[in-house]
Amino acid sequence: MIMKPYTFANGVTLQPGEIVATPIAGVHMDESIYKNPLEFDGFRFSRQREQDGESAKLYAVNTNPDFLQFGYGIHAWYDLKFLIYNSPGRFFAVNSLKLMLALLLLRYDVKISDGIRFKNWEYQSWVIPNLRAEILFRERTRDS
C-alpha cells in the first residue's frame, strides 16, 4: 500500500489506500489468447508448443505476457542493480510439482470417492478445489 500519492509518467495517479492488481484471471481466460479458456485442457500448452514454432517461450518456467503466474518483464529475470540472475524460485516450484505429479501417477491409483467431479469453490478470481471432497489413493503393487 502506498503512503503518499504517486503519479506515473502517463499521468495516472494513485492515492494512499488504493489497491493495484494485475488481472491474471482475465488474461488467462481471454479467448483471444487461449482457445476455450474456461474448459480444462491438460495438453493446451503442449499443443501450442507444437504449433507455434517458438516452443521455448511456452515452457512453464518462462515468463510471457499471456501467462502471468510468475510475473513478467525484466524484474522477473534479473536484478538490474547487481545484474545477476534473480529468479530461481519458479524453476524449483515447477520442477517440484512435476516430480510430485510423476511420483503420484507412477506409484498410486487415484479416484474420486463417489466418481463424480466435485464443484470448485470460486471467490473473485480464485478457483479452489472443494476441500471436503474425498479423493482415494491406493498404492500400486509391483504386480499392477
N, C-alpha and C. Protein backbone atom coordinates (compact mmCIF):
# COMPACT_ATOMS: atom_id res chain seq x y z
N MET A 1 0.85 -1.17 0.00
CA MET A 1 0.00 0.00 0.00
C MET A 1 0.90 1.24 0.00
N ILE A 2 0.51 2.25 -0.79
CA ILE A 2 1.30 3.48 -0.83
C ILE A 2 0.89 4.41 0.30
N MET A 3 1.82 5.22 0.76
CA MET A 3 1.58 6.12 1.88
C MET A 3 1.36 7.56 1.44
N LYS A 4 1.75 7.90 0.20
CA LYS A 4 1.52 9.24 -0.32
C LYS A 4 1.14 9.10 -1.79
N PRO A 5 0.48 10.10 -2.38
CA PRO A 5 0.10 9.98 -3.79
C PRO A 5 1.31 9.75 -4.68
N TYR A 6 1.10 8.92 -5.74
CA TYR A 6 2.17 8.63 -6.69
C TYR A 6 1.61 8.81 -8.09
N THR A 7 2.32 9.57 -8.92
CA THR A 7 1.88 9.81 -10.30
C THR A 7 2.85 9.15 -11.26
N PHE A 8 2.31 8.29 -12.14
CA PHE A 8 3.10 7.63 -13.16
C PHE A 8 3.42 8.60 -14.29
N ALA A 9 4.34 8.24 -15.17
CA ALA A 9 4.75 9.09 -16.28
C ALA A 9 3.58 9.41 -17.22
N ASN A 10 2.58 8.51 -17.29
CA ASN A 10 1.45 8.76 -18.19
C ASN A 10 0.36 9.62 -17.54
N GLY A 11 0.59 10.10 -16.31
CA GLY A 11 -0.36 10.99 -15.64
C GLY A 11 -1.32 10.30 -14.69
N VAL A 12 -1.37 8.98 -14.67
CA VAL A 12 -2.24 8.25 -13.75
C VAL A 12 -1.70 8.41 -12.33
N THR A 13 -2.58 8.79 -11.40
CA THR A 13 -2.16 9.00 -10.02
C THR A 13 -2.84 7.99 -9.11
N LEU A 14 -2.05 7.40 -8.22
CA LEU A 14 -2.57 6.50 -7.20
C LEU A 14 -2.61 7.26 -5.88
N GLN A 15 -3.72 7.13 -5.17
CA GLN A 15 -3.88 7.77 -3.88
C GLN A 15 -3.58 6.77 -2.76
N PRO A 16 -3.19 7.26 -1.58
CA PRO A 16 -2.96 6.34 -0.45
C PRO A 16 -4.20 5.48 -0.19
N GLY A 17 -3.98 4.19 0.03
CA GLY A 17 -5.07 3.27 0.32
C GLY A 17 -5.64 2.58 -0.90
N GLU A 18 -5.33 3.05 -2.11
CA GLU A 18 -5.83 2.39 -3.31
C GLU A 18 -5.09 1.07 -3.52
N ILE A 19 -5.80 0.12 -4.07
CA ILE A 19 -5.23 -1.21 -4.32
C ILE A 19 -4.99 -1.36 -5.82
N VAL A 20 -3.82 -1.87 -6.16
CA VAL A 20 -3.47 -2.11 -7.55
C VAL A 20 -3.27 -3.61 -7.72
N ALA A 21 -3.85 -4.16 -8.77
CA ALA A 21 -3.72 -5.59 -9.01
C ALA A 21 -3.57 -5.86 -10.50
N THR A 22 -3.01 -7.01 -10.82
CA THR A 22 -2.88 -7.45 -12.20
C THR A 22 -4.03 -8.40 -12.50
N PRO A 23 -4.71 -8.22 -13.63
CA PRO A 23 -5.85 -9.08 -13.96
C PRO A 23 -5.41 -10.45 -14.50
N ILE A 24 -4.76 -11.23 -13.64
CA ILE A 24 -4.22 -12.52 -14.09
C ILE A 24 -5.34 -13.42 -14.63
N ALA A 25 -6.44 -13.53 -13.89
CA ALA A 25 -7.54 -14.39 -14.35
C ALA A 25 -8.10 -13.88 -15.67
N GLY A 26 -8.20 -12.58 -15.82
CA GLY A 26 -8.70 -12.01 -17.07
C GLY A 26 -7.82 -12.35 -18.26
N VAL A 27 -6.52 -12.33 -18.05
CA VAL A 27 -5.59 -12.69 -19.12
C VAL A 27 -5.66 -14.19 -19.39
N HIS A 28 -5.66 -14.99 -18.33
CA HIS A 28 -5.65 -16.45 -18.50
C HIS A 28 -6.96 -17.00 -19.07
N MET A 29 -8.03 -16.23 -18.98
CA MET A 29 -9.32 -16.68 -19.52
C MET A 29 -9.74 -15.90 -20.77
N ASP A 30 -8.78 -15.25 -21.41
CA ASP A 30 -9.05 -14.44 -22.59
C ASP A 30 -9.13 -15.33 -23.83
N GLU A 31 -10.28 -15.31 -24.50
CA GLU A 31 -10.48 -16.16 -25.68
C GLU A 31 -9.62 -15.75 -26.86
N SER A 32 -9.13 -14.52 -26.87
CA SER A 32 -8.24 -14.11 -27.97
C SER A 32 -6.84 -14.68 -27.78
N ILE A 33 -6.54 -15.18 -26.58
CA ILE A 33 -5.23 -15.76 -26.29
C ILE A 33 -5.31 -17.29 -26.26
N TYR A 34 -6.33 -17.81 -25.58
CA TYR A 34 -6.46 -19.25 -25.40
C TYR A 34 -7.78 -19.75 -25.98
N LYS A 35 -7.72 -20.82 -26.74
CA LYS A 35 -8.92 -21.44 -27.29
C LYS A 35 -9.68 -22.14 -26.15
N ASN A 36 -10.96 -21.89 -26.01
CA ASN A 36 -11.81 -22.45 -24.95
C ASN A 36 -11.15 -22.32 -23.57
N PRO A 37 -10.89 -21.09 -23.13
CA PRO A 37 -10.14 -20.91 -21.88
C PRO A 37 -10.87 -21.38 -20.63
N LEU A 38 -12.19 -21.49 -20.68
CA LEU A 38 -12.94 -21.91 -19.49
C LEU A 38 -13.02 -23.42 -19.34
N GLU A 39 -12.55 -24.16 -20.35
CA GLU A 39 -12.55 -25.62 -20.29
C GLU A 39 -11.16 -26.12 -19.94
N PHE A 40 -11.10 -27.12 -19.06
CA PHE A 40 -9.81 -27.70 -18.72
C PHE A 40 -9.25 -28.43 -19.92
N ASP A 41 -8.00 -28.18 -20.22
CA ASP A 41 -7.30 -28.85 -21.31
C ASP A 41 -5.88 -29.10 -20.83
N GLY A 42 -5.62 -30.29 -20.37
CA GLY A 42 -4.32 -30.64 -19.82
C GLY A 42 -3.19 -30.61 -20.84
N PHE A 43 -3.52 -30.58 -22.13
CA PHE A 43 -2.49 -30.57 -23.17
C PHE A 43 -2.45 -29.24 -23.93
N ARG A 44 -3.11 -28.20 -23.39
CA ARG A 44 -3.18 -26.90 -24.07
C ARG A 44 -1.80 -26.37 -24.45
N PHE A 45 -0.89 -26.32 -23.51
CA PHE A 45 0.42 -25.74 -23.79
C PHE A 45 1.29 -26.68 -24.61
N SER A 46 1.09 -27.95 -24.45
CA SER A 46 1.83 -28.93 -25.25
C SER A 46 1.47 -28.75 -26.72
N ARG A 47 0.18 -28.60 -27.02
CA ARG A 47 -0.25 -28.39 -28.41
C ARG A 47 0.24 -27.04 -28.94
N GLN A 48 0.23 -26.02 -28.09
CA GLN A 48 0.72 -24.71 -28.54
C GLN A 48 2.20 -24.78 -28.89
N ARG A 49 2.97 -25.51 -28.10
CA ARG A 49 4.40 -25.64 -28.40
C ARG A 49 4.61 -26.33 -29.75
N GLU A 50 3.77 -27.29 -30.09
CA GLU A 50 3.89 -27.99 -31.37
C GLU A 50 3.56 -27.09 -32.55
N GLN A 51 2.62 -26.16 -32.37
CA GLN A 51 2.14 -25.33 -33.47
C GLN A 51 2.99 -24.08 -33.70
N ASP A 52 3.37 -23.41 -32.64
CA ASP A 52 3.95 -22.09 -32.78
C ASP A 52 5.33 -22.03 -33.41
N GLY A 53 6.12 -23.05 -33.24
CA GLY A 53 7.48 -23.00 -33.74
C GLY A 53 8.42 -22.25 -32.80
N GLU A 54 7.87 -21.59 -31.80
CA GLU A 54 8.66 -20.90 -30.78
C GLU A 54 8.42 -21.59 -29.45
N SER A 55 8.69 -22.87 -29.41
CA SER A 55 8.32 -23.68 -28.25
C SER A 55 9.01 -23.23 -26.96
N ALA A 56 10.19 -22.67 -27.06
CA ALA A 56 10.93 -22.30 -25.85
C ALA A 56 10.20 -21.27 -25.01
N LYS A 57 9.41 -20.39 -25.63
CA LYS A 57 8.73 -19.35 -24.86
C LYS A 57 7.49 -19.88 -24.13
N LEU A 58 7.08 -21.11 -24.39
CA LEU A 58 5.85 -21.62 -23.80
C LEU A 58 6.07 -22.63 -22.67
N TYR A 59 7.30 -22.79 -22.21
CA TYR A 59 7.52 -23.68 -21.08
C TYR A 59 7.05 -23.03 -19.79
N ALA A 60 6.67 -23.84 -18.83
CA ALA A 60 6.07 -23.32 -17.60
C ALA A 60 6.97 -22.36 -16.84
N VAL A 61 8.28 -22.51 -16.93
CA VAL A 61 9.18 -21.64 -16.17
C VAL A 61 9.43 -20.30 -16.86
N ASN A 62 9.08 -20.16 -18.11
CA ASN A 62 9.34 -18.92 -18.84
C ASN A 62 8.26 -17.87 -18.56
N THR A 63 8.69 -16.63 -18.56
CA THR A 63 7.73 -15.54 -18.40
C THR A 63 7.16 -15.18 -19.76
N ASN A 64 5.93 -14.71 -19.77
CA ASN A 64 5.22 -14.44 -21.01
C ASN A 64 4.06 -13.50 -20.67
N PRO A 65 3.77 -12.49 -21.47
CA PRO A 65 2.65 -11.59 -21.14
C PRO A 65 1.28 -12.28 -21.20
N ASP A 66 1.22 -13.48 -21.78
CA ASP A 66 -0.04 -14.22 -21.85
C ASP A 66 -0.18 -15.24 -20.73
N PHE A 67 0.86 -15.43 -19.94
CA PHE A 67 0.81 -16.36 -18.81
C PHE A 67 1.58 -15.72 -17.66
N LEU A 68 0.85 -15.14 -16.71
CA LEU A 68 1.44 -14.25 -15.71
C LEU A 68 1.65 -14.89 -14.35
N GLN A 69 1.66 -16.20 -14.29
CA GLN A 69 1.75 -16.86 -12.99
C GLN A 69 3.02 -16.48 -12.23
N PHE A 70 4.12 -16.28 -12.92
CA PHE A 70 5.39 -15.92 -12.27
C PHE A 70 5.78 -14.48 -12.54
N GLY A 71 4.86 -13.67 -13.01
CA GLY A 71 5.18 -12.29 -13.31
C GLY A 71 5.66 -12.15 -14.74
N TYR A 72 6.08 -10.92 -15.08
CA TYR A 72 6.55 -10.67 -16.44
C TYR A 72 7.45 -9.45 -16.42
N GLY A 73 8.34 -9.40 -17.38
CA GLY A 73 9.21 -8.24 -17.54
C GLY A 73 10.60 -8.51 -17.01
N ILE A 74 11.41 -7.48 -17.10
CA ILE A 74 12.81 -7.63 -16.73
C ILE A 74 12.96 -7.98 -15.25
N HIS A 75 12.06 -7.50 -14.40
CA HIS A 75 12.15 -7.79 -12.97
C HIS A 75 11.94 -9.27 -12.67
N ALA A 76 11.30 -9.97 -13.58
CA ALA A 76 11.09 -11.40 -13.36
C ALA A 76 12.34 -12.21 -13.70
N TRP A 77 13.31 -11.58 -14.32
CA TRP A 77 14.51 -12.30 -14.73
C TRP A 77 15.79 -11.82 -14.06
N TYR A 78 15.98 -10.51 -13.97
CA TYR A 78 17.26 -10.00 -13.49
C TYR A 78 17.07 -8.94 -12.41
N ASP A 79 18.04 -8.84 -11.54
CA ASP A 79 18.14 -7.74 -10.59
C ASP A 79 19.03 -6.72 -11.27
N LEU A 80 18.45 -5.62 -11.78
CA LEU A 80 19.22 -4.66 -12.56
C LEU A 80 20.32 -3.99 -11.76
N LYS A 81 20.11 -3.84 -10.46
CA LYS A 81 21.12 -3.18 -9.62
C LYS A 81 22.42 -3.98 -9.60
N PHE A 82 22.31 -5.29 -9.51
CA PHE A 82 23.50 -6.14 -9.43
C PHE A 82 23.74 -6.94 -10.70
N LEU A 83 22.82 -6.85 -11.66
CA LEU A 83 22.91 -7.59 -12.92
C LEU A 83 23.17 -9.07 -12.69
N ILE A 84 22.42 -9.64 -11.78
CA ILE A 84 22.53 -11.07 -11.51
C ILE A 84 21.19 -11.73 -11.76
N TYR A 85 21.27 -13.00 -12.06
CA TYR A 85 20.06 -13.80 -12.23
C TYR A 85 19.36 -13.89 -10.89
N ASN A 86 18.06 -13.61 -10.84
CA ASN A 86 17.41 -13.40 -9.55
C ASN A 86 16.11 -14.17 -9.36
N SER A 87 15.82 -15.16 -10.15
CA SER A 87 14.52 -15.80 -10.05
C SER A 87 14.59 -17.33 -10.07
N PRO A 88 15.34 -17.96 -9.18
CA PRO A 88 15.40 -19.42 -9.22
C PRO A 88 14.16 -20.09 -8.66
N GLY A 89 13.32 -19.37 -7.93
CA GLY A 89 12.15 -19.95 -7.28
C GLY A 89 11.19 -20.62 -8.22
N ARG A 90 10.92 -20.02 -9.36
CA ARG A 90 9.94 -20.61 -10.28
C ARG A 90 10.44 -21.92 -10.86
N PHE A 91 11.76 -22.05 -11.08
CA PHE A 91 12.32 -23.29 -11.58
C PHE A 91 12.18 -24.40 -10.53
N PHE A 92 12.46 -24.06 -9.29
CA PHE A 92 12.30 -25.03 -8.21
C PHE A 92 10.84 -25.43 -8.06
N ALA A 93 9.92 -24.46 -8.11
CA ALA A 93 8.49 -24.75 -7.95
C ALA A 93 7.98 -25.66 -9.06
N VAL A 94 8.28 -25.33 -10.31
CA VAL A 94 7.78 -26.12 -11.44
C VAL A 94 8.36 -27.53 -11.41
N ASN A 95 9.65 -27.64 -11.15
CA ASN A 95 10.26 -28.98 -11.13
C ASN A 95 9.78 -29.80 -9.94
N SER A 96 9.53 -29.18 -8.81
CA SER A 96 8.97 -29.90 -7.65
C SER A 96 7.57 -30.42 -7.97
N LEU A 97 6.74 -29.60 -8.60
CA LEU A 97 5.39 -30.04 -8.96
C LEU A 97 5.42 -31.17 -9.98
N LYS A 98 6.31 -31.08 -10.96
CA LYS A 98 6.43 -32.16 -11.95
C LYS A 98 6.85 -33.47 -11.29
N LEU A 99 7.81 -33.39 -10.38
CA LEU A 99 8.29 -34.59 -9.70
C LEU A 99 7.19 -35.21 -8.85
N MET A 100 6.46 -34.37 -8.10
CA MET A 100 5.38 -34.89 -7.25
C MET A 100 4.28 -35.54 -8.09
N LEU A 101 3.91 -34.90 -9.19
CA LEU A 101 2.88 -35.46 -10.06
C LEU A 101 3.34 -36.77 -10.69
N ALA A 102 4.59 -36.82 -11.14
CA ALA A 102 5.11 -38.06 -11.74
C ALA A 102 5.11 -39.20 -10.73
N LEU A 103 5.56 -38.93 -9.50
CA LEU A 103 5.57 -39.98 -8.48
C LEU A 103 4.15 -40.43 -8.13
N LEU A 104 3.23 -39.48 -8.05
CA LEU A 104 1.84 -39.81 -7.76
C LEU A 104 1.27 -40.73 -8.84
N LEU A 105 1.50 -40.38 -10.11
CA LEU A 105 0.96 -41.18 -11.21
C LEU A 105 1.62 -42.55 -11.32
N LEU A 106 2.89 -42.63 -11.00
CA LEU A 106 3.60 -43.90 -11.09
C LEU A 106 3.31 -44.85 -9.93
N ARG A 107 3.09 -44.32 -8.75
CA ARG A 107 3.00 -45.15 -7.55
C ARG A 107 1.59 -45.37 -7.00
N TYR A 108 0.61 -44.59 -7.47
CA TYR A 108 -0.72 -44.68 -6.87
C TYR A 108 -1.82 -44.75 -7.92
N ASP A 109 -2.90 -45.44 -7.56
CA ASP A 109 -4.16 -45.34 -8.29
C ASP A 109 -4.96 -44.29 -7.55
N VAL A 110 -5.59 -43.38 -8.30
CA VAL A 110 -6.31 -42.27 -7.69
C VAL A 110 -7.72 -42.23 -8.26
N LYS A 111 -8.71 -42.00 -7.38
CA LYS A 111 -10.08 -41.82 -7.87
C LYS A 111 -10.87 -40.97 -6.89
N ILE A 112 -11.94 -40.39 -7.39
CA ILE A 112 -12.85 -39.62 -6.55
C ILE A 112 -13.79 -40.61 -5.89
N SER A 113 -14.08 -40.41 -4.61
CA SER A 113 -14.81 -41.42 -3.84
C SER A 113 -16.15 -41.79 -4.44
N ASP A 114 -16.92 -40.82 -4.91
CA ASP A 114 -18.24 -41.15 -5.46
C ASP A 114 -18.24 -41.18 -6.99
N GLY A 115 -17.09 -40.93 -7.60
CA GLY A 115 -16.98 -40.98 -9.06
C GLY A 115 -17.48 -39.75 -9.78
N ILE A 116 -17.94 -38.74 -9.05
CA ILE A 116 -18.47 -37.52 -9.66
C ILE A 116 -17.53 -36.37 -9.34
N ARG A 117 -17.16 -35.61 -10.36
CA ARG A 117 -16.26 -34.46 -10.18
C ARG A 117 -16.93 -33.44 -9.27
N PHE A 118 -16.24 -33.07 -8.21
CA PHE A 118 -16.77 -32.11 -7.26
C PHE A 118 -16.68 -30.69 -7.82
N LYS A 119 -17.55 -29.81 -7.34
CA LYS A 119 -17.54 -28.42 -7.79
C LYS A 119 -16.44 -27.65 -7.09
N ASN A 120 -15.80 -26.77 -7.83
CA ASN A 120 -14.80 -25.89 -7.24
C ASN A 120 -15.48 -24.80 -6.42
N TRP A 121 -14.74 -24.23 -5.50
CA TRP A 121 -15.19 -23.07 -4.76
C TRP A 121 -14.56 -21.86 -5.43
N GLU A 122 -15.36 -20.89 -5.82
CA GLU A 122 -14.84 -19.72 -6.52
C GLU A 122 -15.10 -18.47 -5.72
N TYR A 123 -14.05 -17.67 -5.59
CA TYR A 123 -14.14 -16.39 -4.89
C TYR A 123 -13.31 -15.38 -5.65
N GLN A 124 -13.95 -14.34 -6.18
CA GLN A 124 -13.30 -13.35 -7.02
C GLN A 124 -12.56 -14.08 -8.14
N SER A 125 -11.23 -13.95 -8.23
CA SER A 125 -10.51 -14.62 -9.31
C SER A 125 -9.91 -15.95 -8.86
N TRP A 126 -10.17 -16.34 -7.63
CA TRP A 126 -9.63 -17.60 -7.11
C TRP A 126 -10.53 -18.76 -7.48
N VAL A 127 -9.94 -19.87 -7.82
CA VAL A 127 -10.66 -21.12 -8.03
C VAL A 127 -9.98 -22.15 -7.14
N ILE A 128 -10.71 -22.64 -6.16
CA ILE A 128 -10.15 -23.54 -5.15
C ILE A 128 -10.92 -24.85 -5.18
N PRO A 129 -10.23 -25.98 -5.15
CA PRO A 129 -10.95 -27.25 -5.12
C PRO A 129 -11.75 -27.38 -3.83
N ASN A 130 -12.80 -28.15 -3.90
CA ASN A 130 -13.62 -28.40 -2.72
C ASN A 130 -12.78 -29.16 -1.69
N LEU A 131 -12.55 -28.52 -0.56
CA LEU A 131 -11.67 -29.12 0.46
C LEU A 131 -12.32 -30.27 1.21
N ARG A 132 -13.63 -30.46 1.04
CA ARG A 132 -14.32 -31.57 1.70
C ARG A 132 -14.48 -32.78 0.79
N ALA A 133 -14.08 -32.64 -0.45
CA ALA A 133 -14.19 -33.77 -1.38
C ALA A 133 -13.22 -34.87 -0.97
N GLU A 134 -13.64 -36.10 -1.17
CA GLU A 134 -12.79 -37.23 -0.82
C GLU A 134 -12.13 -37.78 -2.08
N ILE A 135 -10.82 -37.87 -2.01
CA ILE A 135 -10.05 -38.47 -3.09
C ILE A 135 -9.37 -39.69 -2.51
N LEU A 136 -9.51 -40.81 -3.18
CA LEU A 136 -8.96 -42.07 -2.68
C LEU A 136 -7.65 -42.41 -3.39
N PHE A 137 -6.67 -42.79 -2.61
CA PHE A 137 -5.36 -43.19 -3.12
C PHE A 137 -5.12 -44.63 -2.71
N ARG A 138 -4.61 -45.42 -3.65
CA ARG A 138 -4.21 -46.79 -3.35
C ARG A 138 -2.83 -47.01 -3.93
N GLU A 139 -1.92 -47.41 -3.07
CA GLU A 139 -0.57 -47.65 -3.53
C GLU A 139 -0.57 -48.84 -4.48
N ARG A 140 0.09 -48.69 -5.58
CA ARG A 140 0.19 -49.78 -6.55
C ARG A 140 1.19 -50.81 -6.06
N THR A 141 0.86 -52.03 -6.34
CA THR A 141 1.81 -53.10 -6.03
C THR A 141 2.73 -53.26 -7.23
N ARG A 142 3.79 -53.95 -7.06
CA ARG A 142 4.74 -54.14 -8.17
C ARG A 142 4.14 -54.98 -9.29
N ASP A 143 3.07 -55.73 -8.98
CA ASP A 143 2.43 -56.58 -9.98
C ASP A 143 1.50 -55.82 -10.90
N SER A 144 0.93 -54.70 -10.41
CA SER A 144 -0.10 -54.00 -11.20
C SER A 144 0.48 -52.94 -12.11
